PDB file of N, CA and C in Angstrom:
ATOM      1  N   MET A   1     -15.780  -2.573  -7.494  1.00  0.00           N
ATOM      2  CA  MET A   1     -15.459  -2.343  -8.893  1.00  0.00           C
ATOM      3  C   MET A   1     -15.550  -3.641  -9.693  1.00  0.00           C
ATOM      4  N   GLY A   2     -15.756  -4.745  -8.996  1.00  0.00           N
ATOM      5  CA  GLY A   2     -15.872  -6.004  -9.713  1.00  0.00           C
ATOM      6  C   GLY A   2     -14.544  -6.557 -10.204  1.00  0.00           C
ATOM      7  N   LYS A   3     -13.447  -6.029  -9.726  1.00  0.00           N
ATOM      8  CA  LYS A   3     -12.115  -6.475 -10.146  1.00  0.00           C
ATOM      9  C   LYS A   3     -11.392  -7.073  -8.947  1.00  0.00           C
ATOM     10  N   SER A   4     -10.670  -8.141  -9.165  1.00  0.00           N
ATOM     11  CA  SER A   4      -9.837  -8.664  -8.093  1.00  0.00           C
ATOM     12  C   SER A   4      -8.462  -8.031  -8.207  1.00  0.00           C
ATOM     13  N   ILE A   5      -7.872  -7.752  -7.065  1.00  0.00           N
ATOM     14  CA  ILE A   5      -6.553  -7.115  -7.021  1.00  0.00           C
ATOM     15  C   ILE A   5      -5.627  -8.047  -6.263  1.00  0.00           C
ATOM     16  N   LEU A   6      -4.432  -8.246  -6.809  1.00  0.00           N
ATOM     17  CA  LEU A   6      -3.455  -9.092  -6.155  1.00  0.00           C
ATOM     18  C   LEU A   6      -3.057  -8.454  -4.829  1.00  0.00           C
ATOM     19  N   ALA A   7      -3.351  -9.154  -3.756  1.00  0.00           N
ATOM     20  CA  ALA A   7      -3.054  -8.634  -2.421  1.00  0.00           C
ATOM     21  C   ALA A   7      -2.942  -9.807  -1.458  1.00  0.00           C
ATOM     22  N   VAL A   8      -2.452  -9.523  -0.285  1.00  0.00           N
ATOM     23  CA  VAL A   8      -2.414 -10.540   0.765  1.00  0.00           C
ATOM     24  C   VAL A   8      -3.623 -10.329   1.663  1.00  0.00           C
ATOM     25  N   PRO A   9      -4.055 -11.361   2.361  1.00  0.00           N
ATOM     26  CA  PRO A   9      -5.180 -11.197   3.288  1.00  0.00           C
ATOM     27  C   PRO A   9      -4.846 -10.161   4.373  1.00  0.00           C
ATOM     28  N   ASP A  10      -5.840  -9.442   4.820  1.00  0.00           N
ATOM     29  CA  ASP A  10      -5.637  -8.433   5.869  1.00  0.00           C
ATOM     30  C   ASP A  10      -4.974  -9.025   7.105  1.00  0.00           C
ATOM     31  N   SER A  11      -5.239 -10.291   7.388  1.00  0.00           N
ATOM     32  CA  SER A  11      -4.666 -10.915   8.583  1.00  0.00           C
ATOM     33  C   SER A  11      -3.146 -11.042   8.499  1.00  0.00           C
ATOM     34  N   TYR A  12      -2.567 -10.916   7.304  1.00  0.00           N
ATOM     35  CA  TYR A  12      -1.113 -10.999   7.137  1.00  0.00           C
ATOM     36  C   TYR A  12      -0.424  -9.669   7.409  1.00  0.00           C
ATOM     37  N   VAL A  13      -1.170  -8.578   7.442  1.00  0.00           N
ATOM     38  CA  VAL A  13      -0.586  -7.255   7.649  1.00  0.00           C
ATOM     39  C   VAL A  13      -0.049  -7.166   9.069  1.00  0.00           C
ATOM     40  N   THR A  14       1.231  -6.805   9.189  1.00  0.00           N
ATOM     41  CA  THR A  14       1.840  -6.699  10.518  1.00  0.00           C
ATOM     42  C   THR A  14       2.011  -5.254  10.956  1.00  0.00           C
ATOM     43  N   THR A  15       2.003  -4.313  10.016  1.00  0.00           N
ATOM     44  CA  THR A  15       2.173  -2.905  10.351  1.00  0.00           C
ATOM     45  C   THR A  15       1.391  -2.046   9.366  1.00  0.00           C
ATOM     46  N   SER A  16       0.701  -1.039   9.875  1.00  0.00           N
ATOM     47  CA  SER A  16       0.024  -0.052   9.036  1.00  0.00           C
ATOM     48  C   SER A  16       0.544   1.320   9.429  1.00  0.00           C
ATOM     49  N   VAL A  17       0.819   2.146   8.429  1.00  0.00           N
ATOM     50  CA  VAL A  17       1.378   3.473   8.666  1.00  0.00           C
ATOM     51  C   VAL A  17       0.480   4.514   8.010  1.00  0.00           C
ATOM     52  N   ASP A  18       0.086   5.514   8.790  1.00  0.00           N
ATOM     53  CA  ASP A  18      -0.722   6.615   8.273  1.00  0.00           C
ATOM     54  C   ASP A  18       0.185   7.562   7.493  1.00  0.00           C
ATOM     55  N   VAL A  19      -0.057   7.668   6.194  1.00  0.00           N
ATOM     56  CA  VAL A  19       0.751   8.552   5.341  1.00  0.00           C
ATOM     57  C   VAL A  19      -0.107   9.662   4.747  1.00  0.00           C
ATOM     58  N   THR A  20      -1.159  10.046   5.503  1.00  0.00           N
ATOM     59  CA  THR A  20      -2.078  11.085   5.040  1.00  0.00           C
ATOM     60  C   THR A  20      -1.366  12.358   4.570  1.00  0.00           C
ATOM     61  N   PRO A  21      -0.325  12.829   5.278  1.00  0.00           N
ATOM     62  CA  PRO A  21       0.331  14.051   4.803  1.00  0.00           C
ATOM     63  C   PRO A  21       0.926  13.921   3.388  1.00  0.00           C
ATOM     64  N   TRP A  22       1.145  12.710   2.937  1.00  0.00           N
ATOM     65  CA  TRP A  22       1.757  12.483   1.621  1.00  0.00           C
ATOM     66  C   TRP A  22       0.767  11.944   0.599  1.00  0.00           C
ATOM     67  N   ALA A  23      -0.518  11.893   0.929  1.00  0.00           N
ATOM     68  CA  ALA A  23      -1.522  11.322   0.023  1.00  0.00           C
ATOM     69  C   ALA A  23      -1.553  12.047  -1.319  1.00  0.00           C
ATOM     70  N   ASN A  24      -1.495  13.371  -1.323  1.00  0.00           N
ATOM     71  CA  ASN A  24      -1.520  14.108  -2.590  1.00  0.00           C
ATOM     72  C   ASN A  24      -0.271  13.833  -3.414  1.00  0.00           C
ATOM     73  N   THR A  25       0.872  13.702  -2.757  1.00  0.00           N
ATOM     74  CA  THR A  25       2.113  13.388  -3.458  1.00  0.00           C
ATOM     75  C   THR A  25       2.045  11.982  -4.048  1.00  0.00           C
ATOM     76  N   LYS A  26       1.501  11.047  -3.281  1.00  0.00           N
ATOM     77  CA  LYS A  26       1.346   9.679  -3.789  1.00  0.00           C
ATOM     78  C   LYS A  26       0.443   9.671  -5.017  1.00  0.00           C
ATOM     79  N   TRP A  27      -0.663  10.412  -4.958  1.00  0.00           N
ATOM     80  CA  TRP A  27      -1.590  10.434  -6.090  1.00  0.00           C
ATOM     81  C   TRP A  27      -0.914  11.050  -7.312  1.00  0.00           C
ATOM     82  N   ALA A  28      -0.143  12.108  -7.119  1.00  0.00           N
ATOM     83  CA  ALA A  28       0.583  12.716  -8.245  1.00  0.00           C
ATOM     84  C   ALA A  28       1.567  11.716  -8.855  1.00  0.00           C
ATOM     85  N   ALA A  29       2.236  10.931  -8.014  1.00  0.00           N
ATOM     86  CA  ALA A  29       3.175   9.926  -8.514  1.00  0.00           C
ATOM     87  C   ALA A  29       2.441   8.842  -9.301  1.00  0.00           C
ATOM     88  N   ILE A  30       1.269   8.434  -8.811  1.00  0.00           N
ATOM     89  CA  ILE A  30       0.474   7.434  -9.530  1.00  0.00           C
ATOM     90  C   ILE A  30       0.050   7.980 -10.888  1.00  0.00           C
ATOM     91  N   LEU A  31      -0.407   9.230 -10.914  1.00  0.00           N
ATOM     92  CA  LEU A  31      -0.838   9.840 -12.177  1.00  0.00           C
ATOM     93  C   LEU A  31       0.304  10.004 -13.172  1.00  0.00           C
ATOM     94  N   ALA A  32       1.540  10.042 -12.682  1.00  0.00           N
ATOM     95  CA  ALA A  32       2.696  10.167 -13.574  1.00  0.00           C
ATOM     96  C   ALA A  32       2.843   8.930 -14.461  1.00  0.00           C
ATOM     97  N   HIS A  33       2.240   7.834 -14.062  1.00  0.00           N
ATOM     98  CA  HIS A  33       2.276   6.597 -14.847  1.00  0.00           C
ATOM     99  C   HIS A  33       1.004   6.535 -15.697  1.00  0.00           C
ATOM    100  N   ARG A  34       0.867   7.456 -16.604  1.00  0.00           N
ATOM    101  CA  ARG A  34      -0.376   7.627 -17.370  1.00  0.00           C
ATOM    102  C   ARG A  34      -0.803   6.371 -18.119  1.00  0.00           C
ATOM    103  N   GLY A  35       0.170   5.614 -18.608  1.00  0.00           N
ATOM    104  CA  GLY A  35      -0.182   4.388 -19.323  1.00  0.00           C
ATOM    105  C   GLY A  35      -0.911   3.399 -18.424  1.00  0.00           C
ATOM    106  N   GLU A  36      -0.521   3.318 -17.163  1.00  0.00           N
ATOM    107  CA  GLU A  36      -1.179   2.413 -16.222  1.00  0.00           C
ATOM    108  C   GLU A  36      -2.520   2.969 -15.767  1.00  0.00           C
ATOM    109  N   VAL A  37      -2.601   4.286 -15.609  1.00  0.00           N
ATOM    110  CA  VAL A  37      -3.852   4.916 -15.176  1.00  0.00           C
ATOM    111  C   VAL A  37      -4.932   4.728 -16.235  1.00  0.00           C
ATOM    112  N   ALA A  38      -4.537   4.751 -17.493  1.00  0.00           N
ATOM    113  CA  ALA A  38      -5.503   4.626 -18.588  1.00  0.00           C
ATOM    114  C   ALA A  38      -6.027   3.194 -18.729  1.00  0.00           C
ATOM    115  N   ARG A  39      -5.270   2.227 -18.260  1.00  0.00           N
ATOM    116  CA  ARG A  39      -5.681   0.829 -18.386  1.00  0.00           C
ATOM    117  C   ARG A  39      -6.695   0.482 -17.293  1.00  0.00           C
ATOM    118  N   GLU A  40      -7.523  -0.498 -17.586  1.00  0.00           N
ATOM    119  CA  GLU A  40      -8.619  -0.830 -16.678  1.00  0.00           C
ATOM    120  C   GLU A  40      -8.196  -1.700 -15.505  1.00  0.00           C
ATOM    121  N   ARG A  41      -7.347  -2.686 -15.704  1.00  0.00           N
ATOM    122  CA  ARG A  41      -7.052  -3.675 -14.670  1.00  0.00           C
ATOM    123  C   ARG A  41      -6.021  -3.251 -13.620  1.00  0.00           C
ATOM    124  N   PRO A  42      -4.925  -2.589 -13.996  1.00  0.00           N
ATOM    125  CA  PRO A  42      -3.924  -2.261 -12.969  1.00  0.00           C
ATOM    126  C   PRO A  42      -4.503  -1.346 -11.892  1.00  0.00           C
ATOM    127  N   LEU A  43      -3.914  -1.427 -10.700  1.00  0.00           N
ATOM    128  CA  LEU A  43      -4.401  -0.637  -9.573  1.00  0.00           C
ATOM    129  C   LEU A  43      -4.492   0.859  -9.881  1.00  0.00           C
ATOM    130  N   PRO A  44      -3.515   1.481 -10.565  1.00  0.00           N
ATOM    131  CA  PRO A  44      -3.677   2.916 -10.862  1.00  0.00           C
ATOM    132  C   PRO A  44      -4.956   3.218 -11.643  1.00  0.00           C
ATOM    133  N   GLY A  45      -5.324   2.337 -12.570  1.00  0.00           N
ATOM    134  CA  GLY A  45      -6.553   2.537 -13.328  1.00  0.00           C
ATOM    135  C   GLY A  45      -7.793   2.379 -12.464  1.00  0.00           C
ATOM    136  N   VAL A  46      -7.757   1.402 -11.563  1.00  0.00           N
ATOM    137  CA  VAL A  46      -8.881   1.206 -10.642  1.00  0.00           C
ATOM    138  C   VAL A  46      -9.030   2.427  -9.739  1.00  0.00           C
ATOM    139  N   LEU A  47      -7.906   2.904  -9.190  1.00  0.00           N
ATOM    140  CA  LEU A  47      -7.945   4.086  -8.318  1.00  0.00           C
ATOM    141  C   LEU A  47      -8.456   5.318  -9.059  1.00  0.00           C
ATOM    142  N   ALA A  48      -8.060   5.477 -10.290  1.00  0.00           N
ATOM    143  CA  ALA A  48      -8.466   6.659 -11.065  1.00  0.00           C
ATOM    144  C   ALA A  48      -9.973   6.711 -11.276  1.00  0.00           C
ATOM    145  N   ARG A  49     -10.623   5.571 -11.287  1.00  0.00           N
ATOM    146  CA  ARG A  49     -12.068   5.540 -11.518  1.00  0.00           C
ATOM    147  C   ARG A  49     -12.882   5.652 -10.237  1.00  0.00           C
ATOM    148  N   LEU A  50     -12.224   5.634  -9.078  1.00  0.00           N
ATOM    149  CA  LEU A  50     -12.942   5.749  -7.804  1.00  0.00           C
ATOM    150  C   LEU A  50     -13.273   7.208  -7.487  1.00  0.00           C
ATOM    151  N   PRO A  51     -14.311   7.438  -6.694  1.00  0.00           N
ATOM    152  CA  PRO A  51     -14.562   8.798  -6.199  1.00  0.00           C
ATOM    153  C   PRO A  51     -13.357   9.257  -5.367  1.00  0.00           C
ATOM    154  N   GLU A  52     -13.079  10.543  -5.398  1.00  0.00           N
ATOM    155  CA  GLU A  52     -11.890  11.083  -4.724  1.00  0.00           C
ATOM    156  C   GLU A  52     -11.812  10.691  -3.252  1.00  0.00           C
ATOM    157  N   ALA A  53     -12.928  10.738  -2.534  1.00  0.00           N
ATOM    158  CA  ALA A  53     -12.913  10.407  -1.103  1.00  0.00           C
ATOM    159  C   ALA A  53     -12.488   8.960  -0.877  1.00  0.00           C
ATOM    160  N   ASP A  54     -12.984   8.038  -1.704  1.00  0.00           N
ATOM    161  CA  ASP A  54     -12.607   6.627  -1.565  1.00  0.00           C
ATOM    162  C   ASP A  54     -11.142   6.423  -1.907  1.00  0.00           C
ATOM    163  N   ARG A  55     -10.700   7.050  -2.983  1.00  0.00           N
ATOM    164  CA  ARG A  55      -9.298   6.939  -3.416  1.00  0.00           C
ATOM    165  C   ARG A  55      -8.363   7.457  -2.322  1.00  0.00           C
ATOM    166  N   THR A  56      -8.685   8.593  -1.739  1.00  0.00           N
ATOM    167  CA  THR A  56      -7.851   9.173  -0.689  1.00  0.00           C
ATOM    168  C   THR A  56      -7.798   8.253   0.520  1.00  0.00           C
ATOM    169  N   ARG A  57      -8.931   7.680   0.900  1.00  0.00           N
ATOM    170  CA  ARG A  57      -8.977   6.767   2.040  1.00  0.00           C
ATOM    171  C   ARG A  57      -8.057   5.562   1.801  1.00  0.00           C
ATOM    172  N   ILE A  58      -8.005   5.083   0.582  1.00  0.00           N
ATOM    173  CA  ILE A  58      -7.173   3.925   0.246  1.00  0.00           C
ATOM    174  C   ILE A  58      -5.688   4.272   0.274  1.00  0.00           C
ATOM    175  N   ILE A  59      -5.306   5.407  -0.311  1.00  0.00           N
ATOM    176  CA  ILE A  59      -3.873   5.693  -0.444  1.00  0.00           C
ATOM    177  C   ILE A  59      -3.271   6.395   0.773  1.00  0.00           C
ATOM    178  N   GLN A  60      -4.096   6.733   1.766  1.00  0.00           N
ATOM    179  CA  GLN A  60      -3.539   7.430   2.931  1.00  0.00           C
ATOM    180  C   GLN A  60      -2.960   6.473   3.968  1.00  0.00           C
ATOM    181  N   THR A  61      -3.053   5.174   3.725  1.00  0.00           N
ATOM    182  CA  THR A  61      -2.484   4.200   4.657  1.00  0.00           C
ATOM    183  C   THR A  61      -1.621   3.205   3.885  1.00  0.00           C
ATOM    184  N   GLU A  62      -0.409   2.979   4.378  1.00  0.00           N
ATOM    185  CA  GLU A  62       0.489   1.965   3.814  1.00  0.00           C
ATOM    186  C   GLU A  62       0.431   0.742   4.718  1.00  0.00           C
ATOM    187  N   HIS A  63       0.353  -0.423   4.125  1.00  0.00           N
ATOM    188  CA  HIS A  63       0.286  -1.673   4.883  1.00  0.00           C
ATOM    189  C   HIS A  63       1.513  -2.510   4.558  1.00  0.00           C
ATOM    190  N   PHE A  64       2.116  -3.088   5.590  1.00  0.00           N
ATOM    191  CA  PHE A  64       3.327  -3.882   5.421  1.00  0.00           C
ATOM    192  C   PHE A  64       3.135  -5.260   6.043  1.00  0.00           C
ATOM    193  N   THR A  65       3.806  -6.245   5.453  1.00  0.00           N
ATOM    194  CA  THR A  65       3.774  -7.617   5.942  1.00  0.00           C
ATOM    195  C   THR A  65       5.197  -8.101   6.137  1.00  0.00           C
ATOM    196  N   ARG A  66       5.503  -8.545   7.328  1.00  0.00           N
ATOM    197  CA  ARG A  66       6.837  -9.092   7.599  1.00  0.00           C
ATOM    198  C   ARG A  66       6.940 -10.433   6.874  1.00  0.00           C
ATOM    199  N   LEU A  67       7.971 -10.577   6.043  1.00  0.00           N
ATOM    200  CA  LEU A  67       8.129 -11.804   5.275  1.00  0.00           C
ATOM    201  C   LEU A  67       8.940 -12.859   6.006  1.00  0.00           C
ATOM    202  N   THR A  68       9.831 -12.443   6.884  1.00  0.00           N
ATOM    203  CA  THR A  68      10.624 -13.402   7.648  1.00  0.00           C
ATOM    204  C   THR A  68      10.508 -13.045   9.116  1.00  0.00           C
ATOM    205  N   PRO A  69      10.631 -14.035   9.972  1.00  0.00           N
ATOM    206  CA  PRO A  69      10.555 -13.721  11.397  1.00  0.00           C
ATOM    207  C   PRO A  69      11.723 -12.846  11.826  1.00  0.00           C
ATOM    208  N   GLY A  70      11.480 -12.032  12.809  1.00  0.00           N
ATOM    209  CA  GLY A  70      12.532 -11.153  13.330  1.00  0.00           C
ATOM    210  C   GLY A  70      13.462 -11.907  14.263  1.00  0.00           C
ATOM    211  N   PRO A  71      14.413 -11.187  14.841  1.00  0.00           N
ATOM    212  CA  PRO A  71      15.368 -11.815  15.771  1.00  0.00           C
ATOM    213  C   PRO A  71      14.634 -12.422  16.970  1.00  0.00           C
ATOM    214  N   THR A  72      15.181 -13.484  17.486  1.00  0.00           N
ATOM    215  CA  THR A  72      14.603 -14.106  18.672  1.00  0.00           C
ATOM    216  C   THR A  72      15.433 -13.748  19.892  1.00  0.00           C
ATOM    217  N   LYS A  73      14.816 -13.836  21.051  1.00  0.00           N
ATOM    218  CA  LYS A  73      15.504 -13.513  22.294  1.00  0.00           C
ATOM    219  C   LYS A  73      16.765 -14.380  22.437  1.00  0.00           C
ATOM    220  N   GLY A  74      17.867 -13.751  22.770  1.00  0.00           N
ATOM    221  CA  GLY A  74      19.132 -14.469  22.903  1.00  0.00           C
ATOM    222  C   GLY A  74      19.888 -14.621  21.610  1.00  0.00           C
ATOM    223  N   ASP A  75      19.333 -14.139  20.518  1.00  0.00           N
ATOM    224  CA  ASP A  75      20.014 -14.213  19.216  1.00  0.00           C
ATOM    225  C   ASP A  75      21.246 -13.317  19.249  1.00  0.00           C
ATOM    226  N   PRO A  76      22.461 -13.881  19.023  1.00  0.00           N
ATOM    227  CA  PRO A  76      23.667 -13.074  19.090  1.00  0.00           C
ATOM    228  C   PRO A  76      23.726 -11.993  17.999  1.00  0.00           C
ATOM    229  N   GLY A  77      22.940 -12.154  16.955  1.00  0.00           N
ATOM    230  CA  GLY A  77      22.922 -11.160  15.877  1.00  0.00           C
ATOM    231  C   GLY A  77      21.961 -10.021  16.131  1.00  0.00           C
ATOM    232  N   GLN A  78      21.199 -10.095  17.232  1.00  0.00           N
ATOM    233  CA  GLN A  78      20.200  -9.064  17.536  1.00  0.00           C
ATOM    234  C   GLN A  78      20.892  -7.811  18.093  1.00  0.00           C
ATOM    235  N   LEU A  79      20.546  -6.673  17.536  1.00  0.00           N
ATOM    236  CA  LEU A  79      21.074  -5.415  18.031  1.00  0.00           C
ATOM    237  C   LEU A  79      20.271  -4.964  19.248  1.00  0.00           C
ATOM    238  N   THR A  80      20.959  -4.476  20.255  1.00  0.00           N
ATOM    239  CA  THR A  80      20.265  -3.966  21.438  1.00  0.00           C
ATOM    240  C   THR A  80      20.801  -2.584  21.763  1.00  0.00           C
ATOM    241  N   THR A  81      20.021  -1.832  22.500  1.00  0.00           N
ATOM    242  CA  THR A  81      20.464  -0.501  22.917  1.00  0.00           C
ATOM    243  C   THR A  81      20.598  -0.451  24.414  1.00  0.00           C
TER     244      THR A  81
END
């Protein structure tokens, strides 16, 4: 689309979750922000201009990045089962 989107590099992603069953709900929620969808630069506007198949492929996966390290072995604050 020729637009840069604020994001982190793929190598920073620590977890990806398939949310395909909720893709239509996510798209409906995005469309509820009509002011953003109508604008060219924000992500909702970029998504709105994509072909449906591409848009669905993008919104069917959530990507997460751990911002702080998790508990370390022997950490007294670590929960165990």
